[in-house]
Amino acid sequence: MDLFNSTDFDAHVNDLISEWNIPGLAIAISQSDDVRSKGFGLATLEPPKPCTPDTIFDLASSSKSLTAASVGLLIADEEKYPNVTWTAKMHDLLPEDFVMSEDSYTKDITVEDTLGHRTGLPRHDLSYFGVRSNHTDTPKSVTRNLRNLQLNAPIRTKYQYNNIFYTVATHLVETTTGETFSDFLQNNFFGPLNMSDTHLQPDASKAAGLGDRLATPYHWVEESKAYRAVPYQQCPEAQGAGSVMTSVNDYIKWVRALMFQHEPITKEVFEGITSIRIPIDPDVDDEDRHPFTSFEGYATGLGVKYYRGAQIISHDGGVPGFGSTHLLMPEHDFGLVVLGNTGEAGTICDVVAMELIDAMLKLPQSERVDWLARAKAIREKYEKEEKEDSVSKQLMPDLEEPEPLKMPLETYAGNYWNVEYQGIKIQIKDGKLFIDASDRSMGFYLTLEHLKDQTLFEGKMEDYFDGSEGEMAAEFKFVNDNVVKLGLDMESDLGHYIWFDKVEESSKSLPTR
C-alpha cells in the first residue's frame, strides 16, 4: 500500500494519463482487509467533472468473470439444476437453440468449452445486429445463429477468444432460471455484495439515477490532437460478453468476493471458474510474454498465469471509449481494479497493475520491470506491423499503384445476402462504393477502393462508435459482366472471405433472425 498511498504515485499516474491521452483513470486496491481507492483526471471534459473512485465505467470484457460465475452458481446448485454441470452438453441443455454448423460439434460442445474459448469457432463478432438495427438480435437469436457460423478448428484444440459464447451462456442462465440475466446478476451478486452502483447496460445505470456519475467515453484523434466523445454502447444482444457498468469502489467488492470466497462465491464455484481449460498461446515468443511470467491459460471468464512464481488471476476489457482490468492474487490476499475512459486506457491499466504488483511483492527498485517502456515498445511494434501488413500490400504486393476502375460503380451497387451475416447493401456515396454497417452490434462504415482486376478492393473501415480506422479486403465475382457475389474478410481467422450472393431488392436483404 505504500506506493499507492504516495504522492509520487499520484504524480506518476497523472503523467501517464496525460502522455497516453486518457481523460480519467480510477484505481481500487485491496490488500488483506485494507481497501483503498483513488481517481485521477476527468470523468467528463465538458463541463469538467473529476474522475473519482465512484465514477462509473463500462467494464467491457472484464464483465466476463461475472458471466462465468453465474453459470458456476447454477452448477453448484445440484438440487435445483442437476443437469447443469461443467461437462454437460450444451445441446442437451438448449436442444432447440444450440446447434452448430457440424453435427459432431453440436453433440460434443460442453458448458466449459463455451466459457473456455475452445469450441472451434472463431470470433464472428460482425455477424450480429445491435439496437440500431430494425431487427436487433437477442441472446436467443445469437445462439440460434451458431448453426450458420463456419468453424475452423477441432473442439478443445485451439484457444479462440469468442464473445458470442458468453452471450450464449446468458441465454442458458435465462432459460434455466426463468430470470433475465440482469435480474440474475442483481439477485445473486450485486445485491448480496452491496454493489449498488453496478448494473447491466448503460441505460440501466441511468434508470437507477446514476447518469451523472457515468464517465464519458472518449477517443483521442491524433490528427486533430483532440478528444472525440463516443456514444455509450447499449448492447443487450451481446450481454454476458461485456456491458457491466460499475465503479472501482464497487468492482473491488467482486474481486474480494472471488479472492476470499464471500457469499455467493464458494470454494467449489471459485475452483470451477478458475481451473485452466486451455493454454492461450503456447507458441508465444519469450519477448512477447511479460518478463518473469509463465505461459497463460484461460479458465472461464478469467486468465491464469504466474509472475515470479505468484499466481495472477485476471481479465481485461476494452470497447470504444473504455478500458479496464481486474485481478486477484489469492496467495497474497491482493487484488485490484483499474478503469479508464478511452479504449486505449487498457494499456495503462496493465502498466499500473504490474507496477502495483511489483511494489506489493517488495521487489528492489533495481529488479523491477520498466512496464511503461515495455508498453511503448509493444505499441511501436504493433503500429509498424499494421503499416507493413496493409490490405493493399497483401492483395497487390507487386503493384505500385492501383489499376483504374473501368466498370461503372452501378455494376457493384445493390443488395447482398449471406445466411451467417445476413444482409449487406452497397451504395454509391461521393463517387465511391460505400457500405453502412452501423446497424451491427460492432457497427462500422466501409468505403471500397479498387485495387486491381475490377474485382479486388481495399475497404477503408471507420468504427461507428469512435471513428477509428481499419481495413478490410473485398472481392467481387462476375458472370457475364454481372456481379454475382461479394466476398468480405469479416472473419480473418477463417482464412477466407465471407461470401454474399447478390440479390434483388427484397426483405431477404435485411437481417431476419
Foldseek 3Di string as FASTA:
>chain_A
DVLVPDVVNLVVVQVVCVVVVFQKKKKWKFFFPDIDIFIDGALDVVVGHGGGLFFKEWQFQLLLLVLLLLLLVLQVCCVQRVQRHQQHQPCVLVVVQADALDRVLNGGDGNQLLQQQFSQAAALQQQAFFPVAPDHAALRNLSNLNNQGDGHDHGLPARHDYLNSLSVSQVSSCVSPVDHSFVSCVVFPCVVLVQLCKGAAPVVNVVSVNVVSYRFFWAQDVVVRDIDTFDGQGGNRRPRSIRIMGGFVRVVSVVLCLLVVDPPRDPSSSCQQAPFRHFHCPPDDPLPDDPQKDGWGHGGSWIWIAHVRFIKIKDWRFDAQKTWIKIDGNVRSIIMIMITGGRVCNLVNVQVVQVVVCVSVVDPPVPRDNSVVSSVVVVVVVVVVQVVPAPLCVVCVPDPAADDQDDDPVLVFAWWQDSRRFIWGWDADPNWTKTFQQRHSFGWIWTWDGHDPNFKTKTWIATPTHRDIDIKIKGFDDDPSHTFKIFICSDCVNVGTRIIGGDHPDCRNGDDD
